[in-house]
PDB file of N, CA and C in Angstrom:
ATOM      1  N   MET A   1       2.675 -10.493  -2.113  1.00  0.00           N
ATOM      2  CA  MET A   1       2.208 -11.849  -1.986  1.00  0.00           C
ATOM      3  C   MET A   1       2.069 -12.179  -0.510  1.00  0.00           C
ATOM      4  N   ILE A   2       0.997 -12.868  -0.205  1.00  0.00           N
ATOM      5  CA  ILE A   2       0.705 -13.309   1.149  1.00  0.00           C
ATOM      6  C   ILE A   2       1.120 -14.767   1.260  1.00  0.00           C
ATOM      7  N   ILE A   3       1.784 -15.114   2.340  1.00  0.00           N
ATOM      8  CA  ILE A   3       2.196 -16.507   2.552  1.00  0.00           C
ATOM      9  C   ILE A   3       1.444 -17.046   3.756  1.00  0.00           C
ATOM     10  N   LEU A   4       0.682 -18.123   3.530  1.00  0.00           N
ATOM     11  CA  LEU A   4      -0.097 -18.764   4.580  1.00  0.00           C
ATOM     12  C   LEU A   4       0.273 -20.235   4.655  1.00  0.00           C
ATOM     13  N   GLN A   5      -0.207 -20.896   5.718  1.00  0.00           N
ATOM     14  CA  GLN A   5       0.081 -22.311   5.897  1.00  0.00           C
ATOM     15  C   GLN A   5      -1.172 -23.144   5.688  1.00  0.00           C
ATOM     16  N   GLU A   6      -0.946 -24.435   5.419  1.00  0.00           N
ATOM     17  CA  GLU A   6      -2.038 -25.391   5.289  1.00  0.00           C
ATOM     18  C   GLU A   6      -2.371 -25.850   6.710  1.00  0.00           C
ATOM     19  N   THR A   7      -3.426 -25.299   7.262  1.00  0.00           N
ATOM     20  CA  THR A   7      -3.767 -25.574   8.657  1.00  0.00           C
ATOM     21  C   THR A   7      -5.266 -25.484   8.842  1.00  0.00           C
ATOM     22  N   GLY A   8      -5.756 -26.053   9.914  1.00  0.00           N
ATOM     23  CA  GLY A   8      -7.183 -26.011  10.192  1.00  0.00           C
ATOM     24  C   GLY A   8      -7.554 -24.951  11.208  1.00  0.00           C
ATOM     25  N   ILE A   9      -6.607 -24.074  11.527  1.00  0.00           N
ATOM     26  CA  ILE A   9      -6.883 -23.018  12.498  1.00  0.00           C
ATOM     27  C   ILE A   9      -6.911 -21.665  11.785  1.00  0.00           C
ATOM     28  N   ALA A  10      -7.471 -20.680  12.446  1.00  0.00           N
ATOM     29  CA  ALA A  10      -7.566 -19.342  11.856  1.00  0.00           C
ATOM     30  C   ALA A  10      -6.176 -18.740  11.691  1.00  0.00           C
ATOM     31  N   GLN A  11      -5.963 -18.095  10.552  1.00  0.00           N
ATOM     32  CA  GLN A  11      -4.705 -17.428  10.264  1.00  0.00           C
ATOM     33  C   GLN A  11      -4.984 -15.944  10.071  1.00  0.00           C
ATOM     34  N   GLU A  12      -4.091 -15.132  10.609  1.00  0.00           N
ATOM     35  CA  GLU A  12      -4.268 -13.692  10.517  1.00  0.00           C
ATOM     36  C   GLU A  12      -3.291 -13.112   9.508  1.00  0.00           C
ATOM     37  N   PHE A  13      -3.799 -12.232   8.647  1.00  0.00           N
ATOM     38  CA  PHE A  13      -2.941 -11.487   7.736  1.00  0.00           C
ATOM     39  C   PHE A  13      -3.527 -10.106   7.519  1.00  0.00           C
ATOM     40  N   LYS A  14      -2.647  -9.175   7.159  1.00  0.00           N
ATOM     41  CA  LYS A  14      -3.042  -7.779   6.980  1.00  0.00           C
ATOM     42  C   LYS A  14      -2.891  -7.373   5.527  1.00  0.00           C
ATOM     43  N   VAL A  15      -3.796  -6.525   5.073  1.00  0.00           N
ATOM     44  CA  VAL A  15      -3.732  -5.989   3.714  1.00  0.00           C
ATOM     45  C   VAL A  15      -4.026  -4.489   3.762  1.00  0.00           C
ATOM     46  N   ILE A  16      -3.538  -3.778   2.758  1.00  0.00           N
ATOM     47  CA  ILE A  16      -3.856  -2.359   2.609  1.00  0.00           C
ATOM     48  C   ILE A  16      -4.807  -2.240   1.421  1.00  0.00           C
ATOM     49  N   PRO A  17      -6.099  -2.117   1.682  1.00  0.00           N
ATOM     50  CA  PRO A  17      -7.090  -2.088   0.598  1.00  0.00           C
ATOM     51  C   PRO A  17      -7.328  -0.679   0.071  1.00  0.00           C
ATOM     52  N   ARG A  18      -8.151  -0.591  -0.956  1.00  0.00           N
ATOM     53  CA  ARG A  18      -8.532   0.710  -1.523  1.00  0.00           C
ATOM     54  C   ARG A  18      -9.426   1.491  -0.574  1.00  0.00           C
ATOM     55  N   GLU A  19     -10.233   0.767   0.204  1.00  0.00           N
ATOM     56  CA  GLU A  19     -11.057   1.385   1.233  1.00  0.00           C
ATOM     57  C   GLU A  19     -11.073   0.460   2.440  1.00  0.00           C
ATOM     58  N   LEU A  20     -11.266   1.016   3.611  1.00  0.00           N
ATOM     59  CA  LEU A  20     -11.159   0.231   4.846  1.00  0.00           C
ATOM     60  C   LEU A  20     -12.458  -0.477   5.202  1.00  0.00           C
ATOM     61  N   ALA A  21     -12.967  -1.246   4.273  1.00  0.00           N
ATOM     62  CA  ALA A  21     -14.165  -2.042   4.516  1.00  0.00           C
ATOM     63  C   ALA A  21     -14.183  -3.203   3.536  1.00  0.00           C
ATOM     64  N   ALA A  22     -14.590  -4.373   4.026  1.00  0.00           N
ATOM     65  CA  ALA A  22     -14.748  -5.550   3.171  1.00  0.00           C
ATOM     66  C   ALA A  22     -15.720  -6.492   3.852  1.00  0.00           C
ATOM     67  N   ASP A  23     -16.528  -7.194   3.054  1.00  0.00           N
ATOM     68  CA  ASP A  23     -17.469  -8.137   3.638  1.00  0.00           C
ATOM     69  C   ASP A  23     -17.367  -9.540   3.048  1.00  0.00           C
ATOM     70  N   SER A  24     -16.552  -9.707   1.991  1.00  0.00           N
ATOM     71  CA  SER A  24     -16.371 -11.053   1.443  1.00  0.00           C
ATOM     72  C   SER A  24     -14.958 -11.209   0.882  1.00  0.00           C
ATOM     73  N   MET A  25     -14.499 -12.453   0.902  1.00  0.00           N
ATOM     74  CA  MET A  25     -13.172 -12.783   0.412  1.00  0.00           C
ATOM     75  C   MET A  25     -13.303 -14.028  -0.468  1.00  0.00           C
ATOM     76  N   THR A  26     -12.786 -13.943  -1.696  1.00  0.00           N
ATOM     77  CA  THR A  26     -12.828 -15.078  -2.615  1.00  0.00           C
ATOM     78  C   THR A  26     -11.413 -15.549  -2.879  1.00  0.00           C
ATOM     79  N   LEU A  27     -11.179 -16.847  -2.642  1.00  0.00           N
ATOM     80  CA  LEU A  27      -9.895 -17.469  -2.945  1.00  0.00           C
ATOM     81  C   LEU A  27     -10.091 -18.394  -4.130  1.00  0.00           C
ATOM     82  N   THR A  28      -9.264 -18.212  -5.165  1.00  0.00           N
ATOM     83  CA  THR A  28      -9.345 -19.039  -6.364  1.00  0.00           C
ATOM     84  C   THR A  28      -8.035 -19.783  -6.533  1.00  0.00           C
ATOM     85  N   SER A  29      -8.104 -21.096  -6.607  1.00  0.00           N
ATOM     86  CA  SER A  29      -6.915 -21.919  -6.794  1.00  0.00           C
ATOM     87  C   SER A  29      -6.407 -21.751  -8.220  1.00  0.00           C
ATOM     88  N   GLU A  30      -5.117 -21.463  -8.371  1.00  0.00           N
ATOM     89  CA  GLU A  30      -4.550 -21.339  -9.706  1.00  0.00           C
ATOM     90  C   GLU A  30      -4.317 -22.710 -10.339  1.00  0.00           C
ATOM     91  N   THR A  31      -4.346 -23.771  -9.542  1.00  0.00           N
ATOM     92  CA  THR A  31      -4.163 -25.126 -10.058  1.00  0.00           C
ATOM     93  C   THR A  31      -5.457 -25.697 -10.610  1.00  0.00           C
ATOM     94  N   THR A  32      -6.531 -25.613  -9.820  1.00  0.00           N
ATOM     95  CA  THR A  32      -7.797 -26.225 -10.214  1.00  0.00           C
ATOM     96  C   THR A  32      -8.819 -25.228 -10.752  1.00  0.00           C
ATOM     97  N   GLY A  33      -8.650 -23.947 -10.448  1.00  0.00           N
ATOM     98  CA  GLY A  33      -9.622 -22.939 -10.864  1.00  0.00           C
ATOM     99  C   GLY A  33     -10.825 -22.861  -9.941  1.00  0.00           C
ATOM    100  N   GLU A  34     -10.837 -23.664  -8.880  1.00  0.00           N
ATOM    101  CA  GLU A  34     -11.947 -23.683  -7.938  1.00  0.00           C
ATOM    102  C   GLU A  34     -11.924 -22.418  -7.083  1.00  0.00           C
ATOM    103  N   ALA A  35     -13.078 -21.777  -6.952  1.00  0.00           N
ATOM    104  CA  ALA A  35     -13.191 -20.545  -6.164  1.00  0.00           C
ATOM    105  C   ALA A  35     -14.060 -20.803  -4.941  1.00  0.00           C
ATOM    106  N   VAL A  36     -13.603 -20.291  -3.798  1.00  0.00           N
ATOM    107  CA  VAL A  36     -14.352 -20.409  -2.549  1.00  0.00           C
ATOM    108  C   VAL A  36     -14.516 -19.003  -1.983  1.00  0.00           C
ATOM    109  N   THR A  37     -15.757 -18.647  -1.638  1.00  0.00           N
ATOM    110  CA  THR A  37     -16.038 -17.321  -1.096  1.00  0.00           C
ATOM    111  C   THR A  37     -16.349 -17.433   0.391  1.00  0.00           C
ATOM    112  N   TYR A  38     -15.731 -16.553   1.178  1.00  0.00           N
ATOM    113  CA  TYR A  38     -15.929 -16.505   2.625  1.00  0.00           C
ATOM    114  C   TYR A  38     -16.580 -15.176   2.987  1.00  0.00           C
ATOM    115  N   VAL A  39     -17.503 -15.207   3.936  1.00  0.00           N
ATOM    116  CA  VAL A  39     -18.056 -13.979   4.502  1.00  0.00           C
ATOM    117  C   VAL A  39     -17.118 -13.592   5.636  1.00  0.00           C
ATOM    118  N   ILE A  40     -16.613 -12.361   5.609  1.00  0.00           N
ATOM    119  CA  ILE A  40     -15.619 -11.939   6.596  1.00  0.00           C
ATOM    120  C   ILE A  40     -16.056 -10.680   7.317  1.00  0.00           C
ATOM    121  N   THR A  41     -15.524 -10.489   8.504  1.00  0.00           N
ATOM    122  CA  THR A  41     -15.674  -9.244   9.250  1.00  0.00           C
ATOM    123  C   THR A  41     -14.286  -8.849   9.745  1.00  0.00           C
ATOM    124  N   PRO A  42     -13.512  -8.182   8.889  1.00  0.00           N
ATOM    125  CA  PRO A  42     -12.147  -7.811   9.270  1.00  0.00           C
ATOM    126  C   PRO A  42     -12.145  -6.669  10.292  1.00  0.00           C
ATOM    127  N   THR A  43     -11.031  -6.578  10.992  1.00  0.00           N
ATOM    128  CA  THR A  43     -10.837  -5.456  11.906  1.00  0.00           C
ATOM    129  C   THR A  43      -9.907  -4.445  11.242  1.00  0.00           C
ATOM    130  N   ILE A  44      -9.878  -3.238  11.776  1.00  0.00           N
ATOM    131  CA  ILE A  44      -9.047  -2.175  11.201  1.00  0.00           C
ATOM    132  C   ILE A  44      -7.903  -1.872  12.159  1.00  0.00           C
ATOM    133  N   ASP A  45      -6.699  -1.849  11.621  1.00  0.00           N
ATOM    134  CA  ASP A  45      -5.503  -1.486  12.372  1.00  0.00           C
ATOM    135  C   ASP A  45      -4.776  -0.411  11.569  1.00  0.00           C
ATOM    136  N   ARG A  46      -4.997   0.831  11.911  1.00  0.00           N
ATOM    137  CA  ARG A  46      -4.481   1.994  11.184  1.00  0.00           C
ATOM    138  C   ARG A  46      -4.896   1.927   9.726  1.00  0.00           C
ATOM    139  N   TYR A  47      -3.974   1.668   8.805  1.00  0.00           N
ATOM    140  CA  TYR A  47      -4.280   1.622   7.367  1.00  0.00           C
ATOM    141  C   TYR A  47      -4.548   0.202   6.867  1.00  0.00           C
ATOM    142  N   TYR A  48      -4.585  -0.759   7.755  1.00  0.00           N
ATOM    143  CA  TYR A  48      -4.710  -2.159   7.377  1.00  0.00           C
ATOM    144  C   TYR A  48      -6.086  -2.708   7.693  1.00  0.00           C
ATOM    145  N   LEU A  49      -6.511  -3.649   6.860  1.00  0.00           N
ATOM    146  CA  LEU A  49      -7.615  -4.526   7.208  1.00  0.00           C
ATOM    147  C   LEU A  49      -6.978  -5.806   7.718  1.00  0.00           C
ATOM    148  N   VAL A  50      -7.371  -6.250   8.870  1.00  0.00           N
ATOM    149  CA  VAL A  50      -6.820  -7.467   9.465  1.00  0.00           C
ATOM    150  C   VAL A  50      -7.858  -8.570   9.303  1.00  0.00           C
ATOM    151  N   ILE A  51      -7.475  -9.597   8.577  1.00  0.00           N
ATOM    152  CA  ILE A  51      -8.379 -10.713   8.319  1.00  0.00           C
ATOM    153  C   ILE A  51      -7.898 -11.897   9.149  1.00  0.00           C
ATOM    154  N   ASN A  52      -8.819 -12.483   9.892  1.00  0.00           N
ATOM    155  CA  ASN A  52      -8.510 -13.629  10.738  1.00  0.00           C
ATOM    156  C   ASN A  52      -9.546 -14.705  10.415  1.00  0.00           C
ATOM    157  N   GLU A  53      -9.185 -15.625   9.525  1.00  0.00           N
ATOM    158  CA  GLU A  53     -10.132 -16.612   9.015  1.00  0.00           C
ATOM    159  C   GLU A  53      -9.510 -18.000   8.946  1.00  0.00           C
ATOM    160  N   ILE A  54     -10.354 -19.007   8.992  1.00  0.00           N
ATOM    161  CA  ILE A  54      -9.941 -20.381   8.700  1.00  0.00           C
ATOM    162  C   ILE A  54     -10.192 -20.575   7.212  1.00  0.00           C
ATOM    163  N   VAL A  55      -9.119 -20.819   6.451  1.00  0.00           N
ATOM    164  CA  VAL A  55      -9.257 -21.001   5.011  1.00  0.00           C
ATOM    165  C   VAL A  55      -8.704 -22.361   4.615  1.00  0.00           C
ATOM    166  N   ALA A  56      -9.322 -22.983   3.620  1.00  0.00           N
ATOM    167  CA  ALA A  56      -8.900 -24.298   3.138  1.00  0.00           C
ATOM    168  C   ALA A  56      -7.867 -24.112   2.037  1.00  0.00           C
ATOM    169  N   LEU A  57      -6.603 -24.400   2.349  1.00  0.00           N
ATOM    170  CA  LEU A  57      -5.509 -24.259   1.391  1.00  0.00           C
ATOM    171  C   LEU A  57      -4.737 -25.566   1.293  1.00  0.00           C
ATOM    172  N   LYS A  58      -4.077 -25.772   0.165  1.00  0.00           N
ATOM    173  CA  LYS A  58      -3.226 -26.947  -0.026  1.00  0.00           C
ATOM    174  C   LYS A  58      -1.793 -26.495  -0.201  1.00  0.00           C
ATOM    175  N   GLU A  59      -0.884 -27.232   0.431  1.00  0.00           N
ATOM    176  CA  GLU A  59       0.523 -26.858   0.410  1.00  0.00           C
ATOM    177  C   GLU A  59       1.082 -26.808  -1.015  1.00  0.00           C
ATOM    178  N   ASN A  60       2.002 -25.866  -1.232  1.00  0.00           N
ATOM    179  CA  ASN A  60       2.690 -25.645  -2.508  1.00  0.00           C
ATOM    180  C   ASN A  60       1.748 -25.256  -3.638  1.00  0.00           C
ATOM    181  N   ASN A  61       0.661 -24.578  -3.311  1.00  0.00           N
ATOM    182  CA  ASN A  61      -0.280 -24.085  -4.314  1.00  0.00           C
ATOM    183  C   ASN A  61      -0.397 -22.571  -4.213  1.00  0.00           C
ATOM    184  N   PHE A  62      -0.685 -21.958  -5.358  1.00  0.00           N
ATOM    185  CA  PHE A  62      -0.920 -20.520  -5.431  1.00  0.00           C
ATOM    186  C   PHE A  62      -2.419 -20.269  -5.534  1.00  0.00           C
ATOM    187  N   TYR A  63      -2.856 -19.178  -4.939  1.00  0.00           N
ATOM    188  CA  TYR A  63      -4.254 -18.765  -4.970  1.00  0.00           C
ATOM    189  C   TYR A  63      -4.314 -17.271  -5.278  1.00  0.00           C
ATOM    190  N   THR A  64      -5.392 -16.840  -5.898  1.00  0.00           N
ATOM    191  CA  THR A  64      -5.643 -15.405  -6.016  1.00  0.00           C
ATOM    192  C   THR A  64      -6.685 -15.067  -4.962  1.00  0.00           C
ATOM    193  N   ILE A  65      -6.503 -13.914  -4.335  1.00  0.00           N
ATOM    194  CA  ILE A  65      -7.437 -13.451  -3.310  1.00  0.00           C
ATOM    195  C   ILE A  65      -8.076 -12.166  -3.804  1.00  0.00           C
ATOM    196  N   GLU A  66      -9.365 -12.059  -3.555  1.00  0.00           N
ATOM    197  CA  GLU A  66     -10.107 -10.862  -3.941  1.00  0.00           C
ATOM    198  C   GLU A  66     -11.024 -10.493  -2.780  1.00  0.00           C
ATOM    199  N   LEU A  67     -10.845  -9.292  -2.238  1.00  0.00           N
ATOM    200  CA  LEU A  67     -11.706  -8.795  -1.174  1.00  0.00           C
ATOM    201  C   LEU A  67     -12.708  -7.824  -1.781  1.00  0.00           C
ATOM    202  N   LYS A  68     -13.961  -7.973  -1.365  1.00  0.00           N
ATOM    203  CA  LYS A  68     -15.014  -7.089  -1.870  1.00  0.00           C
ATOM    204  C   LYS A  68     -15.758  -6.439  -0.724  1.00  0.00           C
ATOM    205  N   ASN A  69     -16.176  -5.226  -0.972  1.00  0.00           N
ATOM    206  CA  ASN A  69     -17.106  -4.523  -0.103  1.00  0.00           C
ATOM    207  C   ASN A  69     -18.368  -4.342  -0.922  1.00  0.00           C
ATOM    208  N   ALA A  70     -19.376  -5.148  -0.632  1.00  0.00           N
ATOM    209  CA  ALA A  70     -20.575  -5.258  -1.466  1.00  0.00           C
ATOM    210  C   ALA A  70     -20.146  -5.742  -2.854  1.00  0.00           C
ATOM    211  N   THR A  71     -20.253  -4.904  -3.875  1.00  0.00           N
ATOM    212  CA  THR A  71     -19.836  -5.324  -5.215  1.00  0.00           C
ATOM    213  C   THR A  71     -18.510  -4.712  -5.637  1.00  0.00           C
ATOM    214  N   ASP A  72     -17.967  -3.803  -4.823  1.00  0.00           N
ATOM    215  CA  ASP A  72     -16.704  -3.133  -5.155  1.00  0.00           C
ATOM    216  C   ASP A  72     -15.511  -3.991  -4.751  1.00  0.00           C
ATOM    217  N   ILE A  73     -14.586  -4.182  -5.676  1.00  0.00           N
ATOM    218  CA  ILE A  73     -13.344  -4.891  -5.368  1.00  0.00           C
ATOM    219  C   ILE A  73     -12.414  -3.907  -4.666  1.00  0.00           C
ATOM    220  N   VAL A  74     -12.010  -4.242  -3.436  1.00  0.00           N
ATOM    221  CA  VAL A  74     -11.160  -3.333  -2.666  1.00  0.00           C
ATOM    222  C   VAL A  74      -9.721  -3.825  -2.544  1.00  0.00           C
ATOM    223  N   TYR A  75      -9.474  -5.100  -2.909  1.00  0.00           N
ATOM    224  CA  TYR A  75      -8.111  -5.625  -2.792  1.00  0.00           C
ATOM    225  C   TYR A  75      -7.975  -6.891  -3.626  1.00  0.00           C
ATOM    226  N   LYS A  76      -6.811  -7.026  -4.303  1.00  0.00           N
ATOM    227  CA  LYS A  76      -6.467  -8.234  -5.059  1.00  0.00           C
ATOM    228  C   LYS A  76      -5.005  -8.559  -4.788  1.00  0.00           C
ATOM    229  N   ASP A  77      -4.701  -9.846  -4.678  1.00  0.00           N
ATOM    230  CA  ASP A  77      -3.325 -10.267  -4.437  1.00  0.00           C
ATOM    231  C   ASP A  77      -3.209 -11.763  -4.711  1.00  0.00           C
ATOM    232  N   LYS A  78      -2.015 -12.291  -4.440  1.00  0.00           N
ATOM    233  CA  LYS A  78      -1.771 -13.726  -4.554  1.00  0.00           C
ATOM    234  C   LYS A  78      -1.427 -14.274  -3.187  1.00  0.00           C
ATOM    235  N   ILE A  79      -1.768 -15.543  -2.973  1.00  0.00           N
ATOM    236  CA  ILE A  79      -1.417 -16.266  -1.757  1.00  0.00           C
ATOM    237  C   ILE A  79      -0.614 -17.489  -2.171  1.00  0.00           C
ATOM    238  N   PHE A  80       0.440 -17.757  -1.422  1.00  0.00           N
ATOM    239  CA  PHE A  80       1.191 -19.000  -1.596  1.00  0.00           C
ATOM    240  C   PHE A  80       1.071 -19.772  -0.294  1.00  0.00           C
ATOM    241  N   CYS A  81       0.729 -21.044  -0.392  1.00  0.00           N
ATOM    242  CA  CYS A  81       0.568 -21.891   0.778  1.00  0.00           C
ATOM    243  C   CYS A  81       1.801 -22.766   0.941  1.00  0.00           C
ATOM    244  N   THR A  82       2.452 -22.671   2.108  1.00  0.00           N
ATOM    245  CA  THR A  82       3.595 -23.511   2.424  1.00  0.00           C
ATOM    246  C   THR A  82       3.587 -23.808   3.915  1.00  0.00           C
ATOM    247  N   ASN A  83       4.077 -24.981   4.297  1.00  0.00           N
ATOM    248  CA  ASN A  83       4.188 -25.328   5.706  1.00  0.00           C
ATOM    249  C   ASN A  83       5.573 -25.037   6.253  1.00  0.00           C
ATOM    250  N   GLN A  84       6.484 -24.558   5.408  1.00  0.00           N
ATOM    251  CA  GLN A  84       7.791 -24.126   5.885  1.00  0.00           C
ATOM    252  C   GLN A  84       7.633 -22.777   6.576  1.00  0.00           C
ATOM    253  N   THR A  85       8.515 -22.496   7.530  1.00  0.00           N
ATOM    254  CA  THR A  85       8.485 -21.173   8.134  1.00  0.00           C
ATOM    255  C   THR A  85       9.012 -20.182   7.104  1.00  0.00           C
ATOM    256  N   VAL A  86       8.513 -18.974   7.138  1.00  0.00           N
ATOM    257  CA  VAL A  86       8.865 -17.978   6.129  1.00  0.00           C
ATOM    258  C   VAL A  86      10.359 -17.679   6.153  1.00  0.00           C
ATOM    259  N   SER A  87      10.955 -17.593   7.343  1.00  0.00           N
ATOM    260  CA  SER A  87      12.379 -17.269   7.424  1.00  0.00           C
ATOM    261  C   SER A  87      13.258 -18.388   6.871  1.00  0.00           C
ATOM    262  N   ASP A  88      12.773 -19.640   6.889  1.00  0.00           N
ATOM    263  CA  ASP A  88      13.550 -20.783   6.383  1.00  0.00           C
ATOM    264  C   ASP A  88      13.083 -21.243   5.015  1.00  0.00           C
ATOM    265  N   PHE A  89      12.176 -20.512   4.383  1.00  0.00           N
ATOM    266  CA  PHE A  89      11.590 -20.976   3.133  1.00  0.00           C
ATOM    267  C   PHE A  89      12.627 -21.117   2.031  1.00  0.00           C
ATOM    268  N   SER A  90      12.556 -22.225   1.317  1.00  0.00           N
ATOM    269  CA  SER A  90      13.422 -22.468   0.178  1.00  0.00           C
ATOM    270  C   SER A  90      12.617 -23.195  -0.891  1.00  0.00           C
ATOM    271  N   VAL A  91      12.743 -22.752  -2.109  1.00  0.00           N
ATOM    272  CA  VAL A  91      12.064 -23.418  -3.210  1.00  0.00           C
ATOM    273  C   VAL A  91      12.597 -24.832  -3.371  1.00  0.00           C
ATOM    274  N   ASN A  92      13.864 -25.026  -3.057  1.00  0.00           N
ATOM    275  CA  ASN A  92      14.526 -26.320  -3.212  1.00  0.00           C
ATOM    276  C   ASN A  92      14.515 -27.138  -1.930  1.00  0.00           C
ATOM    277  N   ASN A  93      13.528 -27.011  -1.101  1.00  0.00           N
ATOM    278  CA  ASN A  93      13.489 -27.703   0.174  1.00  0.00           C
ATOM    279  C   ASN A  93      13.671 -29.205  -0.007  1.00  0.00           C
ATOM    280  N   ASN A  94      14.770 -29.736   0.520  1.00  0.00           N
ATOM    281  CA  ASN A  94      15.123 -31.158   0.482  1.00  0.00           C
ATOM    282  C   ASN A  94      15.286 -31.708  -0.934  1.00  0.00           C
ATOM    283  N   GLU A  95      15.462 -30.867  -1.930  1.00  0.00           N
ATOM    284  CA  GLU A  95      15.615 -31.322  -3.299  1.00  0.00           C
ATOM    285  C   GLU A  95      16.856 -30.756  -3.966  1.00  0.00           C
ATOM    286  N   PHE A  96      17.706 -30.094  -3.219  1.00  0.00           N
ATOM    287  CA  PHE A  96      18.861 -29.430  -3.804  1.00  0.00           C
ATOM    288  C   PHE A  96      19.964 -30.432  -4.103  1.00  0.00           C
ATOM    289  N   THR A  97      20.492 -30.381  -5.305  1.00  0.00           N
ATOM    290  CA  THR A  97      21.639 -31.210  -5.669  1.00  0.00           C
ATOM    291  C   THR A  97      22.787 -30.287  -6.024  1.00  0.00           C
ATOM    292  N   THR A  98      23.964 -30.671  -5.610  1.00  0.00           N
ATOM    293  CA  THR A  98      25.123 -29.827  -5.867  1.00  0.00           C
ATOM    294  C   THR A  98      25.768 -30.221  -7.185  1.00  0.00           C
ATOM    295  N   TYR A  99      26.434 -29.285  -7.768  1.00  0.00           N
ATOM    296  CA  TYR A  99      27.166 -29.501  -9.003  1.00  0.00           C
ATOM    297  C   TYR A  99      28.604 -29.097  -8.732  1.00  0.00           C
ATOM    298  N   SER A 100      29.505 -30.012  -8.987  1.00  0.00           N
ATOM    299  CA  SER A 100      30.910 -29.673  -8.755  1.00  0.00           C
ATOM    300  C   SER A 100      31.633 -29.592 -10.090  1.00  0.00           C
ATOM    301  N   SER A 101      32.628 -28.740 -10.118  1.00  0.00           N
ATOM    302  CA  SER A 101      33.397 -28.538 -11.331  1.00  0.00           C
ATOM    303  C   SER A 101      34.844 -28.289 -10.940  1.00  0.00           C
ATOM    304  N   ASP A 102      35.760 -28.707 -11.797  1.00  0.00           N
ATOM    305  CA  ASP A 102      37.162 -28.463 -11.510  1.00  0.00           C
ATOM    306  C   ASP A 102      37.646 -27.137 -12.122  1.00  0.00           C
ATOM    307  N   ASN A 103      36.736 -26.411 -12.742  1.00  0.00           N
ATOM    308  CA  ASN A 103      37.007 -25.111 -13.331  1.00  0.00           C
ATOM    309  C   ASN A 103      38.106 -25.152 -14.402  1.00  0.00           C
ATOM    310  N   ASP A 104      38.253 -26.269 -15.073  1.00  0.00           N
ATOM    311  CA  ASP A 104      39.188 -26.342 -16.198  1.00  0.00           C
ATOM    312  C   ASP A 104      38.558 -25.693 -17.409  1.00  0.00           C
ATOM    313  N   TYR A 105      39.355 -24.954 -18.118  1.00  0.00           N
ATOM    314  CA  TYR A 105      38.854 -24.347 -19.346  1.00  0.00           C
ATOM    315  C   TYR A 105      39.996 -24.306 -20.354  1.00  0.00           C
ATOM    316  N   ILE A 106      39.605 -24.212 -21.591  1.00  0.00           N
ATOM    317  CA  ILE A 106      40.582 -24.257 -22.671  1.00  0.00           C
ATOM    318  C   ILE A 106      40.658 -22.874 -23.308  1.00  0.00           C
ATOM    319  N   THR A 107      41.858 -22.396 -23.508  1.00  0.00           N
ATOM    320  CA  THR A 107      42.041 -21.125 -24.207  1.00  0.00           C
ATOM    321  C   THR A 107      42.697 -21.393 -25.555  1.00  0.00           C
ATOM    322  N   TYR A 108      42.316 -20.662 -26.533  1.00  0.00           N
ATOM    323  CA  TYR A 108      42.872 -20.785 -27.877  1.00  0.00           C
ATOM    324  C   TYR A 108      43.690 -19.554 -28.190  1.00  0.00           C
ATOM    325  N   GLU A 109      44.823 -19.774 -28.794  1.00  0.00           N
ATOM    326  CA  GLU A 109      45.677 -18.638 -29.169  1.00  0.00           C
ATOM    327  C   GLU A 109      45.749 -18.495 -30.660  1.00  0.00           C
TER     328      GLU A 109
END
């Protein structure tokens, strides 16, 4: 899974595709089903395709990504959009509630 942010600037991410060439990238929102296709010119870094694009994403949404070289699908994955830093990411960001218990239990003989 690729993690990106909701931003108006270009974001760089690397993928290991089936072949080291791609000319289009389609992002499909799993919430709305809306698909947006971008024309891309990725660079190659050893076994990786490096994509550096400005993409329209909404925070806390999942997307499917599909890279194509002409008509051949060379890569598929999921993207999650969050504005939290990856090292501090928490599903319960600012929503965590604690549960306390006195650990009393009853035993039957």
